[in-house]
C-alpha atoms as a PDB file:
ATOM      1  CA  MET A   1      43.935  36.071   8.581  1.00  0.00           C
ATOM      2  CA  THR A   2      40.486  37.281   7.447  1.00  0.00           C
ATOM      3  CA  ILE A   3      40.554  34.932   4.452  1.00  0.00           C
ATOM      4  CA  LEU A   4      41.359  32.046   6.783  1.00  0.00           C
ATOM      5  CA  TYR A   5      38.275  32.834   8.898  1.00  0.00           C
ATOM      6  CA  ILE A   6      36.113  33.077   5.793  1.00  0.00           C
ATOM      7  CA  VAL A   7      37.358  29.714   4.516  1.00  0.00           C
ATOM      8  CA  LEU A   8      36.911  28.082   7.933  1.00  0.00           C
ATOM      9  CA  GLY A   9      33.426  29.603   8.232  1.00  0.00           C
ATOM     10  CA  ALA A  10      32.497  28.278   4.785  1.00  0.00           C
ATOM     11  CA  ILE A  11      33.773  24.800   5.690  1.00  0.00           C
ATOM     12  CA  VAL A  12      31.771  24.833   8.937  1.00  0.00           C
ATOM     13  CA  LEU A  13      28.618  25.951   7.078  1.00  0.00           C
ATOM     14  CA  VAL A  14      29.014  23.236   4.453  1.00  0.00           C
ATOM     15  CA  GLY A  15      29.593  20.672   7.211  1.00  0.00           C
ATOM     16  CA  LEU A  16      26.487  21.793   9.110  1.00  0.00           C
ATOM     17  CA  TRP A  17      24.440  21.725   5.919  1.00  0.00           C
ATOM     18  CA  ALA A  18      25.664  18.155   5.224  1.00  0.00           C
ATOM     19  CA  VAL A  19      24.656  17.027   8.727  1.00  0.00           C
ATOM     20  CA  PHE A  20      21.196  18.585   8.399  1.00  0.00           C
ATOM     21  CA  ALA A  21      20.730  17.127   4.909  1.00  0.00           C
ATOM     22  CA  TYR A  22      21.779  13.668   6.101  1.00  0.00           C
ATOM     23  CA  ASN A  23      19.414  13.844   9.079  1.00  0.00           C
ATOM     24  CA  ARG A  24      16.591  14.939   6.779  1.00  0.00           C
ATOM     25  CA  PHE A  25      17.160  11.867   4.600  1.00  0.00           C
ATOM     26  CA  VAL A  26      17.110   9.616   7.653  1.00  0.00           C
ATOM     27  CA  ALA A  27      13.831  11.195   8.800  1.00  0.00           C
ATOM     28  CA  LEU A  28      12.273  10.837   5.331  1.00  0.00           C
ATOM     29  CA  ILE A  29      13.292   7.187   5.127  1.00  0.00           C
ATOM     30  CA  GLN A  30      11.851   6.475   8.574  1.00  0.00           C
ATOM     31  CA  ARG A  31       8.557   8.185   7.672  1.00  0.00           C
ATOM     32  CA  THR A  32       8.401   6.109   4.499  1.00  0.00           C
ATOM     33  CA  LYS A  33       8.985   2.893   6.464  1.00  0.00           C
ATOM     34  CA  GLU A  34       6.311   3.897   8.958  1.00  0.00           C
ATOM     35  CA  ALA A  35       3.880   4.637   6.133  1.00  0.00           C
ATOM     36  CA  TRP A  36       4.564   1.222   4.563  1.00  0.00           C
ATOM     37  CA  SER A  37       3.915  -0.362   7.949  1.00  0.00           C
ATOM     38  CA  ASP A  38       0.470   1.299   7.963  1.00  0.00           C
ATOM     39  CA  ILE A  39      -0.282  -0.264   4.569  1.00  0.00           C
ATOM     40  CA  ASP A  40       0.963  -3.632   5.767  1.00  0.00           C
ATOM     41  CA  VAL A  41      -1.300  -3.552   8.836  1.00  0.00           C
ATOM     42  CA  GLN A  42      -4.367  -2.831   6.706  1.00  0.00           C
ATOM     43  CA  LEU A  43      -3.462  -5.472   4.132  1.00  0.00           C
ATOM     44  CA  LYS A  44      -3.074  -8.063   6.895  1.00  0.00           C
ATOM     45  CA  ARG A  45      -6.471  -7.068   8.246  1.00  0.00           C
ATOM     46  CA  ARG A  46      -7.907  -7.563   4.767  1.00  0.00           C
ATOM     47  CA  TYR A  47      -6.209 -10.961   4.446  1.00  0.00           C
ATOM     48  CA  ASP A  48      -7.721 -12.011   7.782  1.00  0.00           C
ATOM     49  CA  LEU A  49     -11.248 -11.090   6.648  1.00  0.00           C
ATOM     50  CA  ILE A  50     -11.108 -12.981   3.361  1.00  0.00           C
ATOM     51  CA  PRO A  51     -11.285 -16.595   4.676  1.00  0.00           C
ATOM     52  CA  ASN A  52     -14.401 -15.737   6.715  1.00  0.00           C
ATOM     53  CA  LEU A  53     -15.961 -14.075   3.690  1.00  0.00           C
ATOM     54  CA  VAL A  54     -15.221 -17.069   1.460  1.00  0.00           C
ATOM     55  CA  GLU A  55     -16.637 -19.507   4.029  1.00  0.00           C
ATOM     56  CA  THR A  56     -19.785 -17.421   4.446  1.00  0.00           C
ATOM     57  CA  VAL A  57     -20.385 -17.209   0.698  1.00  0.00           C
ATOM     58  CA  LYS A  58     -19.459 -20.878   0.265  1.00  0.00           C
ATOM     59  CA  GLY A  59     -22.313 -21.816   2.607  1.00  0.00           C
ATOM     60  CA  TYR A  60     -24.789 -20.372   0.107  1.00  0.00           C
ATOM     61  CA  ALA A  61     -23.036 -20.822  -3.244  1.00  0.00           C
ATOM     62  CA  THR A  62     -21.405 -24.222  -3.002  1.00  0.00           C
ATOM     63  CA  HIS A  63     -21.063 -24.707  -6.770  1.00  0.00           C
ATOM     64  CA  GLU A  64     -18.893 -21.591  -7.290  1.00  0.00           C
ATOM     65  CA  LYS A  65     -15.649 -23.474  -6.635  1.00  0.00           C
ATOM     66  CA  ASP A  66     -13.614 -21.592  -9.284  1.00  0.00           C
ATOM     67  CA  ALA A  67     -14.350 -18.205  -7.714  1.00  0.00           C
ATOM     68  CA  PHE A  68     -13.388 -19.444  -4.253  1.00  0.00           C
ATOM     69  CA  GLU A  69     -10.147 -20.918  -5.551  1.00  0.00           C
ATOM     70  CA  SER A  70      -9.408 -17.681  -7.405  1.00  0.00           C
ATOM     71  CA  VAL A  71      -9.786 -15.636  -4.213  1.00  0.00           C
ATOM     72  CA  THR A  72      -7.742 -18.109  -2.174  1.00  0.00           C
ATOM     73  CA  THR A  73      -4.950 -18.167  -4.765  1.00  0.00           C
ATOM     74  CA  ALA A  74      -4.934 -14.375  -5.120  1.00  0.00           C
ATOM     75  CA  ARG A  75      -4.844 -13.974  -1.324  1.00  0.00           C
ATOM     76  CA  ALA A  76      -1.893 -16.363  -1.015  1.00  0.00           C
ATOM     77  CA  ARG A  77      -0.053 -14.588  -3.831  1.00  0.00           C
ATOM     78  CA  ALA A  78      -0.649 -11.180  -2.214  1.00  0.00           C
ATOM     79  CA  MET A  79       0.492 -12.407   1.197  1.00  0.00           C
ATOM     80  CA  ASN A  80       3.712 -13.819  -0.272  1.00  0.00           C
ATOM     81  CA  ALA A  81       4.509 -10.944  -2.641  1.00  0.00           C
ATOM     82  CA  GLY A  82       8.033  -9.630  -2.193  1.00  0.00           C
ATOM     83  CA  GLY A  83       8.638  -6.131  -3.495  1.00  0.00           C
ATOM     84  CA  ILE A  84       6.321  -3.171  -3.601  1.00  0.00           C
ATOM     85  CA  ALA A  85       5.584  -3.488  -7.332  1.00  0.00           C
ATOM     86  CA  GLU A  86       4.891  -7.216  -6.960  1.00  0.00           C
ATOM     87  CA  LYS A  87       2.663  -6.496  -3.953  1.00  0.00           C
ATOM     88  CA  GLY A  88       0.722  -3.934  -6.004  1.00  0.00           C
ATOM     89  CA  LYS A  89       0.092  -6.413  -8.828  1.00  0.00           C
ATOM     90  CA  ALA A  90      -0.938  -9.128  -6.391  1.00  0.00           C
ATOM     91  CA  GLU A  91      -3.318  -6.736  -4.647  1.00  0.00           C
ATOM     92  CA  ASN A  92      -4.901  -5.860  -8.002  1.00  0.00           C
ATOM     93  CA  MET A  93      -5.513  -9.560  -8.657  1.00  0.00           C
ATOM     94  CA  LEU A  94      -7.011  -9.977  -5.193  1.00  0.00           C
ATOM     95  CA  THR A  95      -9.312  -6.993  -5.683  1.00  0.00           C
ATOM     96  CA  GLN A  96     -10.584  -8.474  -8.940  1.00  0.00           C
ATOM     97  CA  ALA A  97     -11.111 -11.875  -7.332  1.00  0.00           C
ATOM     98  CA  LEU A  98     -13.064 -10.298  -4.472  1.00  0.00           C
ATOM     99  CA  GLY A  99     -15.199  -8.494  -7.030  1.00  0.00           C
ATOM    100  CA  GLY A 100     -16.100 -11.922  -8.394  1.00  0.00           C
ATOM    101  CA  ILE A 101     -17.167 -13.108  -4.939  1.00  0.00           C
ATOM    102  CA  PHE A 102     -19.427 -10.105  -4.485  1.00  0.00           C
ATOM    103  CA  ALA A 103     -20.869 -10.609  -7.961  1.00  0.00           C
ATOM    104  CA  ILE A 104     -21.754 -14.171  -6.937  1.00  0.00           C
ATOM    105  CA  ALA A 105     -23.382 -12.883  -3.754  1.00  0.00           C
ATOM    106  CA  GLU A 106     -25.750 -10.745  -5.849  1.00  0.00           C
ATOM    107  CA  ALA A 107     -27.438 -13.935  -7.066  1.00  0.00           C
ATOM    108  CA  TYR A 108     -28.229 -15.177  -3.547  1.00  0.00           C
ATOM    109  CA  PRO A 109     -30.820 -13.050  -1.673  1.00  0.00           C
ATOM    110  CA  ASP A 110     -30.453 -15.127   1.512  1.00  0.00           C
ATOM    111  CA  LEU A 111     -26.716 -14.466   1.512  1.00  0.00           C
ATOM    112  CA  LYS A 112     -27.238 -10.725   1.062  1.00  0.00           C
ATOM    113  CA  ALA A 113     -29.448 -10.767   4.175  1.00  0.00           C
ATOM    114  CA  ASN A 114     -27.049 -12.873   6.269  1.00  0.00           C
ATOM    115  CA  GLN A 115     -25.867 -10.844   9.275  1.00  0.00           C
ATOM    116  CA  ASN A 116     -22.366 -12.337   9.220  1.00  0.00           C
ATOM    117  CA  PHE A 117     -22.017 -11.500   5.527  1.00  0.00           C
ATOM    118  CA  LEU A 118     -23.264  -7.948   6.097  1.00  0.00           C
ATOM    119  CA  GLU A 119     -20.741  -7.445   8.915  1.00  0.00           C
ATOM    120  CA  LEU A 120     -17.891  -8.839   6.800  1.00  0.00           C
ATOM    121  CA  GLN A 121     -18.997  -6.602   3.941  1.00  0.00           C
ATOM    122  CA  ARG A 122     -18.906  -3.552   6.213  1.00  0.00           C
ATOM    123  CA  GLU A 123     -15.490  -4.467   7.654  1.00  0.00           C
ATOM    124  CA  LEU A 124     -14.032  -5.142   4.221  1.00  0.00           C
ATOM    125  CA  SER A 125     -15.342  -1.833   2.885  1.00  0.00           C
ATOM    126  CA  ASP A 126     -13.850  -0.019   5.889  1.00  0.00           C
ATOM    127  CA  THR A 127     -10.533  -1.825   5.379  1.00  0.00           C
ATOM    128  CA  GLU A 128     -10.471  -0.946   1.673  1.00  0.00           C
ATOM    129  CA  ASN A 129     -10.903   2.730   2.572  1.00  0.00           C
ATOM    130  CA  LYS A 130      -8.093   2.506   5.134  1.00  0.00           C
ATOM    131  CA  ILE A 131      -5.825   0.838   2.572  1.00  0.00           C
ATOM    132  CA  GLN A 132      -6.455   3.700   0.150  1.00  0.00           C
ATOM    133  CA  ALA A 133      -5.681   6.290   2.833  1.00  0.00           C
ATOM    134  CA  ALA A 134      -2.515   4.449   3.895  1.00  0.00           C
ATOM    135  CA  ARG A 135      -1.430   4.146   0.258  1.00  0.00           C
ATOM    136  CA  ARG A 136      -1.867   7.895  -0.277  1.00  0.00           C
ATOM    137  CA  PHE A 137       0.146   8.607   2.889  1.00  0.00           C
ATOM    138  CA  TYR A 138       2.919   6.224   1.820  1.00  0.00           C
ATOM    139  CA  ASN A 139       3.076   7.613  -1.713  1.00  0.00           C
ATOM    140  CA  GLY A 140       3.257  11.165  -0.336  1.00  0.00           C
ATOM    141  CA  ASN A 141       6.241  10.208   1.807  1.00  0.00           C
ATOM    142  CA  VAL A 142       7.889   8.426  -1.124  1.00  0.00           C
ATOM    143  CA  ARG A 143       7.366  11.531  -3.258  1.00  0.00           C
ATOM    144  CA  ASP A 144       9.069  13.706  -0.626  1.00  0.00           C
ATOM    145  CA  LEU A 145      11.991  11.287  -0.287  1.00  0.00           C
ATOM    146  CA  ASN A 146      12.429  10.859  -4.042  1.00  0.00           C
ATOM    147  CA  THR A 147      12.343  14.615  -4.567  1.00  0.00           C
ATOM    148  CA  ALA A 148      15.036  15.109  -1.927  1.00  0.00           C
ATOM    149  CA  VAL A 149      17.168  12.374  -3.522  1.00  0.00           C
ATOM    150  CA  GLN A 150      16.933  13.970  -6.962  1.00  0.00           C
ATOM    151  CA  VAL A 151      17.145  17.742  -6.428  1.00  0.00           C
ATOM    152  CA  PHE A 152      20.304  19.780  -6.119  1.00  0.00           C
ATOM    153  CA  PRO A 153      22.087  20.197  -3.714  1.00  0.00           C
ATOM    154  CA  SER A 154      20.648  17.400  -1.546  1.00  0.00           C
ATOM    155  CA  ASN A 155      21.353  14.902  -4.341  1.00  0.00           C
ATOM    156  CA  ILE A 156      25.050  15.306  -3.483  1.00  0.00           C
ATOM    157  CA  ILE A 157      24.450  13.972   0.038  1.00  0.00           C
ATOM    158  CA  ALA A 158      22.119  11.284  -1.335  1.00  0.00           C
ATOM    159  CA  GLY A 159      24.848  10.101  -3.684  1.00  0.00           C
ATOM    160  CA  MET A 160      27.540  10.161  -1.010  1.00  0.00           C
ATOM    161  CA  PHE A 161      25.484   8.055   1.409  1.00  0.00           C
ATOM    162  CA  ARG A 162      23.737   5.959  -1.267  1.00  0.00           C
ATOM    163  CA  PHE A 163      20.207   7.068  -0.468  1.00  0.00           C
ATOM    164  CA  GLU A 164      18.023   5.633  -3.224  1.00  0.00           C
ATOM    165  CA  PRO A 165      14.571   6.597  -4.476  1.00  0.00           C
ATOM    166  CA  LYS A 166      11.747   4.318  -3.288  1.00  0.00           C
ATOM    167  CA  GLU A 167       8.979   2.747  -5.360  1.00  0.00           C
ATOM    168  CA  PHE A 168       5.443   4.082  -5.239  1.00  0.00           C
ATOM    169  CA  PHE A 169       2.696   1.650  -4.252  1.00  0.00           C
ATOM    170  CA  GLU A 170       0.597   2.008  -7.362  1.00  0.00           C
ATOM    171  CA  LEU A 171      -2.309   0.279  -8.935  1.00  0.00           C
ATOM    172  CA  ASP A 172      -1.650  -1.389 -12.264  1.00  0.00           C
ATOM    173  CA  ALA A 173      -2.612   1.105 -14.978  1.00  0.00           C
ATOM    174  CA  ASP A 174      -4.046  -1.731 -17.099  1.00  0.00           C
ATOM    175  CA  GLU A 175      -6.464  -2.760 -14.395  1.00  0.00           C
ATOM    176  CA  ALA A 176      -9.307  -0.243 -14.637  1.00  0.00           C
ATOM    177  CA  ALA A 177     -11.438  -2.243 -12.213  1.00  0.00           C
ATOM    178  CA  ALA A 178      -8.722  -2.082  -9.582  1.00  0.00           C
ATOM    179  CA  ARG A 179      -8.815   1.718  -9.549  1.00  0.00           C
ATOM    180  CA  GLU A 180     -11.830   1.649  -7.282  1.00  0.00           C
ATOM    181  CA  PRO A 181     -12.317  -0.129  -3.980  1.00  0.00           C
ATOM    182  CA  VAL A 182     -14.342  -3.310  -3.929  1.00  0.00           C
ATOM    183  CA  LYS A 183     -18.021  -2.418  -4.068  1.00  0.00           C
ATOM    184  CA  VAL A 184     -19.675  -4.172  -1.174  1.00  0.00           C
ATOM    185  CA  LYS A 185     -23.048  -2.437  -0.879  1.00  0.00           C
ATOM    186  CA  PHE A 186     -26.185  -4.517  -1.396  1.00  0.00           C
ATOM    187  CA  SER A 187     -29.457  -2.641  -1.334  1.00  0.00           C
END
């Protein structure tokens, strides 16, 4: 009779552990989705600022058509990117294209003094900082989820319920310029 109670107690403990482990995975996945949503909000804000920036610069630098097309193409590619890795690559391209726009602005003193341009510059810089913070938050949640998926004994529950590791939102290692936010200070 004592052995029966021990076996039943062990089964109950394993069952409770499985429920808690499952619920932990669900919570980690939801936090990761929420963190991605934060990134998405900031990226959309950035996408909304870019047309105004291009139009403002275009008013002063009308002959820089290639740079404007580059930014517009990179923005469209970033907005339509599917997966996280594809989104990261598209964002790197957009960051580089924006760097080109700000390099053009250096050559136009009237543009650098334009109040609309200065406000867009400030908003874009603020948005870039928020994107970095959101990316760090997302990657921290992905790290926690991926660790739980891979370590014993929670990997047993992950395998049973097909919980998969998530991708980090990383910058392309080959793009050294993309490792820093767009520099938008003109002094």
